[in-house]
Amino acid sequence: MDIIASGQPALEAAADHLLVFATKDDDILEGGALRRLNDALDGGLAPLVASGELSGALNEAVVVHSFGRTAAPRVVIAGLGPAERLGADEIRHAAASGARKARSLGSGALAVAVDGESCGMTTAEIASAIAEGLDLGLYRFDRHQSPKKTPNVLDRVTLHADNVSGVESGIVEGRALAGAANFARDLANEPSNLLTPTELASRAEAWAGQHDVEIEIMDEAAAAELGMGSFLGVAKGSHQPAKFLILRHRGGADEPGLGYCGKGITFDTGGISIKPAANMEAMKQDMSGAAAVVASMGAIADLGIPINVTALAPCTENMPGGNAIKPGDLLTAMNGATIEVINTDAEGRLVLADALSYANHLGLSPLIDVATLTGAAAVALGDVATAVMANDDELAAEVIAAGKVAGEKIWQLPMFAEYDEQIRSQVADVKNTGGRLAGAITAAKFLQRFAGETPWAHLDMAGTDDANKTRGTQVKGATGVPVRSLVHFAASRAAGSA
């Protein structure tokens, strides 16, 4: 899909569909493109407002036929919600909902009316949110389906505004962010027999090549030389070779820079501590953390963010093979710490232990790890927010702020010292699970041992990596969370060090 800018008035644009936005307030027909549309229709929108069919509510998408009064035969009016709450995320959701409604009506070209600067946002920021919403909302994962009919496609989208240069710059940013999130979605939605650790490494290599990102793929032998016994312990049960991905963006001074670590379990059976059969197919998405950190590097590079960032993704399956680790086994991580395995289904923290140890070995700081780590995080926060736990509250606040800019909700859970007691082992330095109570926090406490003194934050997105319905920018399936938060965090750090 092409997205371009134009200075032509949107109502005069030759397109198959026209998209305009409406806020939910008492004078809904008084502002911008909607007022001009209502004038062109000789006040024809007023009855829709009076009947409640057109309210401007968020995610509302109303179709109006123009009968030749606009160049486009059909107009979709997308709701932004209350004007006093209007921000980038509301624009993203409205663009997504409106574009999906237009696509459902038929293939072709879409014209979008971009009103001028409002709600404290520049034209570039508004255009970025629209472009981001378009790409996120129109996402599909249907590559393995035999279509009963040719699916509708919006092959060209034009954003119409007076400030063409502002729109053009906004399109670049919005598409970079959404493109990275959609790449992460593609990886997480892929069936695990097709996305093995080797295939994930291959796709990451291709992605890095497209975005001028350095990549190194470490095999099991190299990981063994570094002493990554925790990561390799998880890999022992699988016939698929494990891969450890290292991606680098060099945009800043000669220093190690930020470290992003992502859990890359391409399928999680639970190992010897095998999971129940019900819904186990969802465990193909247990590599969503790796997908997020790999994908974020493409957008960071595309946007030329002036900071050094390294992404680390330990990738393996967790299988109950004859060589698999067992409850009671002892593993030694790269930093020399010994780990008593209590539950082989607590494997994500085992692979991240070596990723964090390696990040410290490289001198990266601060560190952010991303993982579908615990069901406990989903129990605590549902599918609304990602949990963050950290050894540095200021870093946690920065991560939350980046999520707010991205429209990805993040909520901090405590890391009180009392939780350490739950992961003390009688035979090793630490055990890999602290039991049912505070499961998300004790998992983070385990990881904190391997982050050490380096400022570190842990994102547990077990509840937010998948959407069970399509709404706004969400499309049923993998969400791509928290790719855009990671990009905004890097941009904020770069701006702060400038």
Protein backbone atom coordinates (compact mmCIF):
# COMPACT_ATOMS: atom_id res chain seq x y z
CA MET A 1 0.00 0.00 0.00
CA ASP A 2 1.32 3.42 -0.96
CA ILE A 3 0.70 6.36 1.37
CA ILE A 4 1.42 9.79 -0.09
CA ALA A 5 0.72 13.45 0.72
CA SER A 6 -1.27 15.98 -1.29
CA GLY A 7 -2.21 19.64 -0.93
CA GLN A 8 -5.43 19.15 -2.89
CA PRO A 9 -8.65 19.59 -0.85
CA ALA A 10 -9.79 16.16 0.27
CA LEU A 11 -13.36 16.62 -0.96
CA GLU A 12 -12.01 17.17 -4.48
CA ALA A 13 -9.79 14.06 -4.47
CA ALA A 14 -10.57 11.41 -7.07
CA ALA A 15 -10.71 8.29 -4.90
CA ASP A 16 -12.97 5.34 -4.25
CA HIS A 17 -13.42 6.30 -0.60
CA LEU A 18 -12.98 9.45 1.47
CA LEU A 19 -12.14 9.27 5.18
CA VAL A 20 -12.89 12.19 7.49
CA PHE A 21 -12.78 12.38 11.28
CA ALA A 22 -15.33 13.54 13.83
CA THR A 23 -14.97 14.38 17.52
CA LYS A 24 -17.71 13.56 20.02
CA ASP A 25 -18.99 16.94 21.15
CA ASP A 26 -22.05 19.18 20.94
CA ASP A 27 -20.88 21.00 17.79
CA ILE A 28 -19.75 17.92 15.93
CA LEU A 29 -20.51 19.44 12.50
CA GLU A 30 -18.72 22.73 13.11
CA GLY A 31 -15.10 21.71 12.61
CA GLY A 32 -12.78 21.24 9.65
CA ALA A 33 -13.41 18.65 6.99
CA LEU A 34 -16.65 17.46 8.56
CA ARG A 35 -18.15 20.95 8.32
CA ARG A 36 -17.06 21.19 4.69
CA LEU A 37 -18.57 17.77 4.00
CA ASN A 38 -21.84 18.75 5.65
CA ASP A 39 -21.94 21.94 3.58
CA ALA A 40 -21.33 19.95 0.39
CA LEU A 41 -24.22 17.66 1.35
CA ASP A 42 -26.50 20.68 2.04
CA GLY A 43 -26.68 19.85 5.73
CA GLY A 44 -27.38 16.18 5.08
CA LEU A 45 -25.34 15.03 8.09
CA ALA A 46 -27.53 16.82 10.63
CA PRO A 47 -30.27 14.13 10.65
CA LEU A 48 -27.60 11.47 11.31
CA VAL A 49 -26.37 13.46 14.29
CA ALA A 50 -29.92 14.03 15.56
CA SER A 51 -30.73 10.31 15.35
CA GLY A 52 -27.50 9.29 17.10
CA GLU A 53 -26.20 7.41 14.05
CA LEU A 54 -23.27 9.83 13.88
CA SER A 55 -21.84 10.68 17.29
CA GLY A 56 -18.07 10.82 16.90
CA ALA A 57 -17.57 8.04 19.45
CA LEU A 58 -14.17 6.36 19.35
CA ASN A 59 -14.04 3.43 16.89
CA GLU A 60 -17.34 4.49 15.30
CA ALA A 61 -17.25 4.34 11.49
CA VAL A 62 -20.29 5.70 9.62
CA VAL A 63 -20.67 5.36 5.84
CA VAL A 64 -22.30 8.17 3.86
CA HIS A 65 -22.94 8.22 0.09
CA SER A 66 -22.10 11.59 -1.42
CA PHE A 67 -24.24 11.28 -4.58
CA GLY A 68 -21.72 13.29 -6.58
CA ARG A 69 -21.31 16.08 -3.99
CA THR A 70 -17.70 14.96 -3.39
CA ALA A 71 -15.26 13.44 -5.85
CA ALA A 72 -15.30 10.19 -3.87
CA PRO A 73 -18.63 8.35 -4.08
CA ARG A 74 -18.48 7.12 -0.48
CA VAL A 75 -17.39 8.83 2.71
CA VAL A 76 -16.41 7.09 5.94
CA ILE A 77 -16.70 9.25 9.05
CA ALA A 78 -14.48 7.87 11.82
CA GLY A 79 -15.03 8.82 15.44
CA LEU A 80 -12.23 10.27 17.56
CA GLY A 81 -14.04 10.33 20.89
CA PRO A 82 -14.38 13.44 23.11
CA ALA A 83 -12.41 16.46 21.89
CA GLU A 84 -10.94 17.11 25.32
CA ARG A 85 -9.31 13.66 25.32
CA LEU A 86 -8.06 13.77 21.75
CA GLY A 87 -4.47 12.63 21.26
CA ALA A 88 -2.32 10.56 18.97
CA ASP A 89 -3.72 7.23 20.09
CA GLU A 90 -7.32 8.27 19.40
CA ILE A 91 -6.24 9.35 15.91
CA ARG A 92 -4.48 6.01 15.36
CA HIS A 93 -7.58 4.05 16.38
CA ALA A 94 -9.91 6.20 14.27
CA ALA A 95 -7.69 5.89 11.20
CA ALA A 96 -7.53 2.13 11.66
CA SER A 97 -11.28 1.69 12.14
CA GLY A 98 -12.16 4.05 9.30
CA ALA A 99 -9.75 2.48 6.83
CA ARG A 100 -10.98 -1.04 7.65
CA LYS A 101 -14.55 0.09 7.07
CA ALA A 102 -13.55 1.63 3.73
CA ARG A 103 -11.74 -1.55 2.69
CA SER A 104 -14.79 -3.63 3.57
CA LEU A 105 -16.77 -1.60 1.01
CA GLY A 106 -14.39 -2.37 -1.84
CA SER A 107 -10.86 -2.15 -3.18
CA GLY A 108 -9.32 1.02 -4.57
CA ALA A 109 -7.94 4.35 -3.45
CA LEU A 110 -8.59 6.11 -0.15
CA ALA A 111 -8.37 9.87 0.41
CA VAL A 112 -7.94 11.04 4.02
CA ALA A 113 -8.72 14.55 5.21
CA VAL A 114 -5.98 15.72 7.60
CA ASP A 115 -7.22 18.73 9.53
CA GLY A 116 -4.69 21.33 10.65
CA GLU A 117 -2.85 21.57 13.92
CA SER A 118 -5.12 20.78 16.84
CA CYS A 119 -5.08 19.39 20.39
CA GLY A 120 -1.49 20.54 20.75
CA MET A 121 -0.28 18.35 17.89
CA THR A 122 1.50 19.48 14.74
CA THR A 123 0.43 18.44 11.26
CA ALA A 124 3.41 16.06 11.16
CA GLU A 125 2.35 14.42 14.43
CA ILE A 126 -1.25 14.06 13.24
CA ALA A 127 -0.11 12.59 9.90
CA SER A 128 2.23 10.21 11.71
CA ALA A 129 -0.61 8.94 13.90
CA ILE A 130 -2.87 8.51 10.85
CA ALA A 131 -0.23 6.62 8.85
CA GLU A 132 0.58 4.46 11.86
CA GLY A 133 -3.11 3.69 12.40
CA LEU A 134 -3.63 2.86 8.73
CA ASP A 135 -0.81 0.33 8.60
CA LEU A 136 -1.68 -1.22 11.96
CA GLY A 137 -5.41 -1.39 11.32
CA LEU A 138 -5.19 -2.78 7.78
CA TYR A 139 -2.78 -5.56 8.81
CA ARG A 140 -3.70 -9.08 7.73
CA PHE A 141 -2.11 -12.47 8.31
CA ASP A 142 -3.72 -14.69 5.69
CA ARG A 143 -0.74 -16.02 3.78
CA HIS A 144 -1.61 -19.64 4.52
CA GLN A 145 -5.30 -19.42 3.65
CA SER A 146 -6.90 -20.20 0.29
CA PRO A 147 -9.18 -17.19 -0.27
CA LYS A 148 -12.74 -17.88 -1.37
CA LYS A 149 -12.62 -14.58 -3.22
CA THR A 150 -10.01 -11.94 -3.90
CA PRO A 151 -9.69 -9.86 -0.70
CA ASN A 152 -10.31 -6.13 -0.87
CA VAL A 153 -7.18 -3.99 -0.89
CA LEU A 154 -6.61 -0.26 -0.48
CA ASP A 155 -3.69 0.06 -2.85
CA ARG A 156 -3.23 3.82 -2.56
CA VAL A 157 -3.90 6.19 0.32
CA THR A 158 -3.47 9.96 0.04
CA LEU A 159 -3.35 12.24 3.08
CA HIS A 160 -4.70 15.69 2.13
CA ALA A 161 -3.57 18.81 4.02
CA ASP A 162 -2.28 22.33 3.41
CA ASN A 163 1.05 21.50 5.07
CA VAL A 164 2.29 18.88 2.61
CA SER A 165 5.85 18.76 3.95
CA GLY A 166 4.57 18.15 7.48
CA VAL A 167 2.39 15.31 6.25
CA GLU A 168 5.28 13.78 4.33
CA SER A 169 7.55 13.72 7.38
CA GLY A 170 4.74 12.31 9.50
CA ILE A 171 4.12 9.50 7.03
CA VAL A 172 7.76 8.42 7.24
CA GLU A 173 7.68 8.17 11.04
CA GLY A 174 4.28 6.52 11.29
CA ARG A 175 5.07 3.90 8.66
CA ALA A 176 8.42 3.05 10.26
CA LEU A 177 6.76 2.42 13.63
CA ALA A 178 3.83 0.44 12.23
CA GLY A 179 6.02 -1.47 9.80
CA ALA A 180 8.20 -2.71 12.64
CA ALA A 181 5.16 -3.70 14.73
CA ASN A 182 3.68 -5.54 11.75
CA PHE A 183 6.93 -7.44 11.19
CA ALA A 184 6.79 -8.58 14.82
CA ARG A 185 3.17 -9.59 14.25
CA ASP A 186 4.17 -11.64 11.20
CA LEU A 187 6.79 -13.51 13.22
CA ALA A 188 4.50 -14.18 16.17
CA ASN A 189 1.55 -15.28 14.02
CA GLU A 190 3.65 -17.78 12.05
CA PRO A 191 3.10 -21.46 12.94
CA SER A 192 6.03 -22.87 14.87
CA ASN A 193 6.82 -25.66 12.40
CA LEU A 194 7.49 -22.89 9.87
CA LEU A 195 9.22 -20.52 12.30
CA THR A 196 11.93 -22.62 13.91
CA PRO A 197 14.86 -20.89 15.63
CA THR A 198 16.83 -21.27 12.39
CA GLU A 199 14.02 -19.70 10.34
CA LEU A 200 13.58 -16.91 12.86
CA ALA A 201 17.30 -16.19 12.55
CA SER A 202 16.99 -16.17 8.75
CA ARG A 203 14.09 -13.71 8.79
CA ALA A 204 15.87 -11.51 11.31
CA GLU A 205 18.92 -11.50 9.02
CA ALA A 206 16.79 -10.43 6.06
CA TRP A 207 15.09 -7.73 8.17
CA ALA A 208 18.46 -6.42 9.34
CA GLY A 209 19.71 -6.28 5.76
CA GLN A 210 16.67 -4.28 4.65
CA HIS A 211 17.18 -1.70 7.40
CA ASP A 212 20.96 -1.39 7.55
CA VAL A 213 21.25 -3.08 10.94
CA GLU A 214 24.26 -5.23 11.86
CA ILE A 215 23.47 -8.82 12.78
CA GLU A 216 25.38 -11.76 14.20
CA ILE A 217 23.87 -15.23 14.62
CA MET A 218 25.49 -17.25 17.36
CA ASP A 219 25.16 -21.04 17.21
CA GLU A 220 25.13 -23.51 20.10
CA ALA A 221 28.88 -24.10 19.97
CA ALA A 222 29.63 -20.39 20.32
CA ALA A 223 27.07 -20.08 23.14
CA ALA A 224 28.74 -23.02 24.91
CA GLU A 225 32.15 -21.34 24.67
CA LEU A 226 30.65 -18.33 26.45
CA GLY A 227 29.25 -20.58 29.18
CA MET A 228 25.55 -20.05 28.40
CA GLY A 229 24.46 -23.17 30.26
CA SER A 230 21.05 -21.80 31.18
CA PHE A 231 20.06 -20.99 27.59
CA LEU A 232 21.49 -24.24 26.25
CA GLY A 233 19.80 -26.21 29.03
CA VAL A 234 16.39 -25.20 27.68
CA ALA A 235 17.48 -26.12 24.14
CA LYS A 236 18.51 -29.68 25.09
CA GLY A 237 15.05 -31.19 24.60
CA SER A 238 14.63 -30.00 21.00
CA HIS A 239 15.95 -31.39 17.73
CA GLN A 240 15.94 -27.83 16.37
CA PRO A 241 19.29 -26.03 16.80
CA ALA A 242 19.16 -23.04 19.10
CA LYS A 243 20.20 -19.62 17.81
CA PHE A 244 21.27 -16.52 19.70
CA LEU A 245 20.64 -13.34 17.68
CA ILE A 246 22.64 -10.15 18.15
CA LEU A 247 21.52 -7.04 16.24
CA ARG A 248 23.28 -3.68 16.44
CA HIS A 249 22.28 -0.15 15.47
CA ARG A 250 25.18 2.25 15.55
CA GLY A 251 23.73 5.75 15.72
CA GLY A 252 25.57 7.36 18.60
CA ALA A 253 28.94 7.94 20.17
CA ASP A 254 31.56 5.23 20.66
CA GLU A 255 29.92 3.55 23.65
CA PRO A 256 28.03 0.28 24.14
CA GLY A 257 24.58 1.87 24.35
CA LEU A 258 21.18 0.43 25.20
CA GLY A 259 20.51 -3.28 25.51
CA TYR A 260 17.20 -4.90 24.50
CA CYS A 261 16.74 -8.61 25.32
CA GLY A 262 13.82 -10.64 24.00
CA LYS A 263 12.63 -14.14 24.91
CA GLY A 264 12.62 -16.30 21.77
CA ILE A 265 10.88 -19.58 22.60
CA THR A 266 9.53 -20.51 19.17
CA PHE A 267 7.29 -23.14 20.76
CA ASP A 268 6.77 -23.87 24.43
CA THR A 269 5.37 -27.24 25.42
CA GLY A 270 6.48 -26.65 28.99
CA GLY A 271 9.15 -29.31 28.59
CA ILE A 272 9.03 -32.20 31.09
CA SER A 273 6.65 -30.01 33.18
CA ILE A 274 4.33 -30.22 30.19
CA LYS A 275 1.46 -27.79 29.74
CA PRO A 276 -2.21 -28.82 29.45
CA ALA A 277 -3.28 -29.51 25.87
CA ALA A 278 -6.01 -26.86 25.84
CA ASN A 279 -4.84 -23.71 24.04
CA MET A 280 -1.25 -24.96 23.75
CA GLU A 281 -1.28 -23.85 20.10
CA ALA A 282 -0.95 -20.27 21.38
CA MET A 283 2.56 -21.14 22.54
CA LYS A 284 3.83 -20.49 19.03
CA GLN A 285 3.78 -16.85 20.19
CA ASP A 286 6.20 -17.45 23.06
CA MET A 287 8.85 -15.80 20.92
CA SER A 288 6.99 -12.48 20.85
CA GLY A 289 9.65 -10.85 23.01
CA ALA A 290 12.38 -11.76 20.54
CA ALA A 291 10.17 -10.60 17.68
CA ALA A 292 9.67 -7.25 19.42
CA VAL A 293 13.34 -6.46 20.03
CA VAL A 294 14.38 -7.61 16.54
CA ALA A 295 11.60 -5.62 14.86
CA SER A 296 12.26 -2.47 16.89
CA MET A 297 15.78 -2.29 15.49
CA GLY A 298 14.43 -1.77 11.98
CA ALA A 299 12.41 1.29 12.99
CA ILE A 300 15.24 2.67 15.14
CA ALA A 301 17.54 2.45 12.13
CA ASP A 302 14.98 3.79 9.64
CA LEU A 303 14.32 6.83 11.81
CA GLY A 304 18.05 7.42 12.23
CA ILE A 305 17.81 7.65 16.01
CA PRO A 306 21.23 8.89 17.18
CA ILE A 307 21.98 6.29 19.81
CA ASN A 308 23.64 2.88 19.95
CA VAL A 309 21.27 -0.01 20.58
CA THR A 310 21.97 -3.75 20.73
CA ALA A 311 19.17 -6.33 20.65
CA LEU A 312 19.78 -9.84 21.98
CA ALA A 313 17.37 -12.70 21.26
CA PRO A 314 18.02 -16.21 22.60
CA CYS A 315 15.88 -18.50 20.41
CA THR A 316 15.01 -22.15 20.99
CA GLU A 317 12.09 -24.52 21.42
CA ASN A 318 11.16 -25.91 24.84
CA MET A 319 10.43 -29.60 24.20
CA PRO A 320 10.13 -32.73 26.40
CA GLY A 321 12.74 -34.79 24.53
CA GLY A 322 14.84 -37.59 25.98
CA ASN A 323 17.69 -35.16 26.56
CA ALA A 324 15.52 -32.43 28.09
CA ILE A 325 16.28 -30.87 31.44
CA LYS A 326 14.20 -32.17 34.36
CA PRO A 327 12.83 -30.69 37.57
CA GLY A 328 15.64 -30.81 40.10
CA ASP A 329 18.42 -30.34 37.53
CA LEU A 330 21.10 -27.71 38.03
CA LEU A 331 22.23 -25.26 35.34
CA THR A 332 25.09 -22.76 35.36
CA ALA A 333 24.53 -19.43 33.62
CA MET A 334 27.12 -17.35 31.79
CA ASN A 335 27.70 -15.14 34.84
CA GLY A 336 28.57 -18.23 36.93
CA ALA A 337 25.33 -18.33 38.93
CA THR A 338 23.87 -21.79 39.54
CA ILE A 339 20.15 -22.37 38.98
CA GLU A 340 17.97 -25.11 40.41
CA VAL A 341 15.26 -26.02 37.89
CA ILE A 342 12.02 -26.45 39.79
CA ASN A 343 9.70 -26.25 36.79
CA THR A 344 10.86 -26.67 33.19
CA ASP A 345 7.91 -24.52 32.07
CA ALA A 346 9.65 -21.55 33.68
CA GLU A 347 12.10 -21.59 30.78
CA GLY A 348 11.81 -18.03 29.48
CA ARG A 349 13.68 -16.67 32.46
CA LEU A 350 16.38 -19.31 31.88
CA VAL A 351 17.16 -18.12 28.36
CA LEU A 352 16.93 -14.48 29.43
CA ALA A 353 19.37 -15.13 32.29
CA ASP A 354 22.12 -15.70 29.74
CA ALA A 355 20.92 -12.85 27.51
CA LEU A 356 21.14 -10.42 30.43
CA SER A 357 24.52 -11.86 31.46
CA TYR A 358 25.79 -11.38 27.92
CA ALA A 359 24.39 -7.84 27.82
CA ASN A 360 26.42 -7.05 30.94
CA HIS A 361 29.45 -8.70 29.32
CA LEU A 362 29.03 -6.25 26.42
CA GLY A 363 28.69 -3.30 28.80
CA LEU A 364 25.19 -2.37 27.60
CA SER A 365 23.15 -0.03 29.79
CA PRO A 366 20.34 0.40 30.59
CA LEU A 367 18.82 -3.01 29.88
CA ILE A 368 15.22 -3.77 28.96
CA ASP A 369 14.06 -7.33 28.56
CA VAL A 370 10.78 -8.25 26.89
CA ALA A 371 8.98 -11.56 27.38
CA THR A 372 5.72 -13.44 27.42
CA LEU A 373 6.98 -14.63 30.76
CA THR A 374 4.16 -15.43 33.19
CA GLY A 375 0.47 -16.11 33.22
CA ALA A 376 0.54 -14.25 36.52
CA ALA A 377 1.11 -10.96 34.69
CA ALA A 378 -2.00 -11.60 32.60
CA VAL A 379 -3.99 -12.49 35.71
CA ALA A 380 -2.90 -9.23 37.35
CA LEU A 381 -3.39 -6.86 34.40
CA GLY A 382 -5.48 -8.77 31.86
CA ASP A 383 -4.97 -7.92 28.20
CA VAL A 384 -4.96 -4.17 28.80
CA ALA A 385 -1.49 -3.41 30.14
CA THR A 386 2.01 -4.82 30.06
CA ALA A 387 3.70 -5.26 33.44
CA VAL A 388 7.02 -3.56 34.12
CA MET A 389 9.33 -4.40 37.02
CA ALA A 390 12.71 -2.79 37.51
CA ASN A 391 15.68 -2.26 39.78
CA ASP A 392 15.48 1.46 38.95
CA ASP A 393 12.20 3.34 39.38
CA GLU A 394 13.32 6.23 37.18
CA LEU A 395 14.01 3.78 34.35
CA ALA A 396 10.59 2.18 34.87
CA ALA A 397 9.01 5.64 34.64
CA GLU A 398 10.84 6.27 31.36
CA VAL A 399 9.56 2.99 29.95
CA ILE A 400 6.00 3.80 31.02
CA ALA A 401 6.29 7.25 29.42
CA ALA A 402 7.52 5.72 26.16
CA GLY A 403 4.55 3.37 26.23
CA LYS A 404 2.19 6.30 26.69
CA VAL A 405 3.59 8.01 23.58
CA ALA A 406 3.24 4.75 21.67
CA GLY A 407 -0.28 4.07 22.89
CA GLU A 408 0.88 0.89 24.65
CA LYS A 409 -0.18 0.83 28.30
CA ILE A 410 2.48 -0.26 30.81
CA TRP A 411 1.97 -0.61 34.59
CA GLN A 412 4.64 -1.02 37.27
CA LEU A 413 4.57 -3.85 39.79
CA PRO A 414 6.65 -3.73 43.01
CA MET A 415 10.02 -5.38 43.58
CA PHE A 416 10.14 -5.50 47.38
CA ALA A 417 13.05 -7.39 48.91
CA GLU A 418 10.67 -9.78 50.67
CA TYR A 419 9.92 -11.49 47.34
CA ASP A 420 13.54 -12.72 47.13
CA GLU A 421 12.79 -15.34 49.76
CA GLN A 422 10.53 -17.22 47.35
CA ILE A 423 13.33 -18.01 44.88
CA ARG A 424 16.01 -19.08 47.36
CA SER A 425 17.33 -22.57 46.69
CA GLN A 426 18.89 -25.09 49.07
CA VAL A 427 21.16 -26.54 46.38
CA ALA A 428 21.95 -23.60 44.07
CA ASP A 429 22.27 -19.82 44.05
CA VAL A 430 18.67 -19.41 42.92
CA LYS A 431 15.71 -21.51 41.82
CA ASN A 432 13.73 -20.78 38.68
CA THR A 433 10.27 -20.40 40.17
CA GLY A 434 8.91 -19.04 43.41
CA GLY A 435 5.52 -20.70 43.35
CA ARG A 436 2.04 -19.41 42.62
CA LEU A 437 1.99 -16.25 44.73
CA ALA A 438 3.32 -13.08 43.04
CA GLY A 439 4.47 -15.18 40.09
CA ALA A 440 5.21 -12.26 37.77
CA ILE A 441 7.25 -10.51 40.46
CA THR A 442 9.28 -13.53 41.54
CA ALA A 443 10.09 -14.19 37.86
CA ALA A 444 11.39 -10.63 37.65
CA LYS A 445 13.31 -11.15 40.88
CA PHE A 446 15.00 -14.14 39.24
CA LEU A 447 16.00 -12.01 36.24
CA GLN A 448 17.27 -9.24 38.49
CA ARG A 449 20.04 -11.59 39.65
CA PHE A 450 21.42 -11.58 36.09
CA ALA A 451 20.91 -7.88 35.38
CA GLY A 452 23.10 -7.21 38.41
CA GLU A 453 23.76 -3.56 39.20
CA THR A 454 23.02 -2.39 35.67
CA PRO A 455 19.85 -0.27 35.43
CA TRP A 456 17.28 -2.76 34.16
CA ALA A 457 13.57 -3.04 33.42
CA HIS A 458 11.59 -6.18 32.67
CA LEU A 459 8.46 -6.10 30.49
CA ASP A 460 6.12 -9.06 30.95
CA MET A 461 3.68 -8.89 28.04
CA ALA A 462 2.07 -12.30 28.44
CA GLY A 463 -1.35 -10.63 28.53
CA THR A 464 -0.82 -8.08 25.75
CA ASP A 465 1.03 -10.01 23.04
CA ASP A 466 -2.23 -11.28 21.51
CA ALA A 467 -5.63 -9.71 20.78
CA ASN A 468 -8.75 -11.84 20.83
CA LYS A 469 -10.74 -9.41 18.69
CA THR A 470 -10.22 -6.66 16.13
CA ARG A 471 -10.74 -3.15 17.45
CA GLY A 472 -8.99 0.09 16.52
CA THR A 473 -5.33 -0.54 15.78
CA GLN A 474 -5.60 -4.07 17.16
CA VAL A 475 -6.20 -6.87 14.69
CA LYS A 476 -7.08 -10.29 16.07
CA GLY A 477 -3.86 -12.22 16.66
CA ALA A 478 -0.38 -10.99 17.54
CA THR A 479 -0.29 -7.32 18.58
CA GLY A 480 3.35 -6.34 18.01
CA VAL A 481 3.53 -4.98 21.58
CA PRO A 482 5.86 -3.39 22.75
CA VAL A 483 7.80 -2.63 19.55
CA ARG A 484 6.73 1.00 19.32
CA SER A 485 7.44 1.61 23.01
CA LEU A 486 11.01 0.36 22.53
CA VAL A 487 11.49 2.71 19.56
CA HIS A 488 10.12 5.69 21.49
CA PHE A 489 12.30 4.79 24.49
CA ALA A 490 15.41 4.86 22.29
CA ALA A 491 14.34 8.19 20.78
CA SER A 492 13.71 9.68 24.21
CA ARG A 493 17.10 8.50 25.48
CA ALA A 494 18.79 9.94 22.41
CA ALA A 495 17.05 13.26 22.85
CA GLY A 496 18.04 13.36 26.51
CA SER A 497 21.69 12.79 25.75
CA ALA A 498 21.86 15.33 22.91
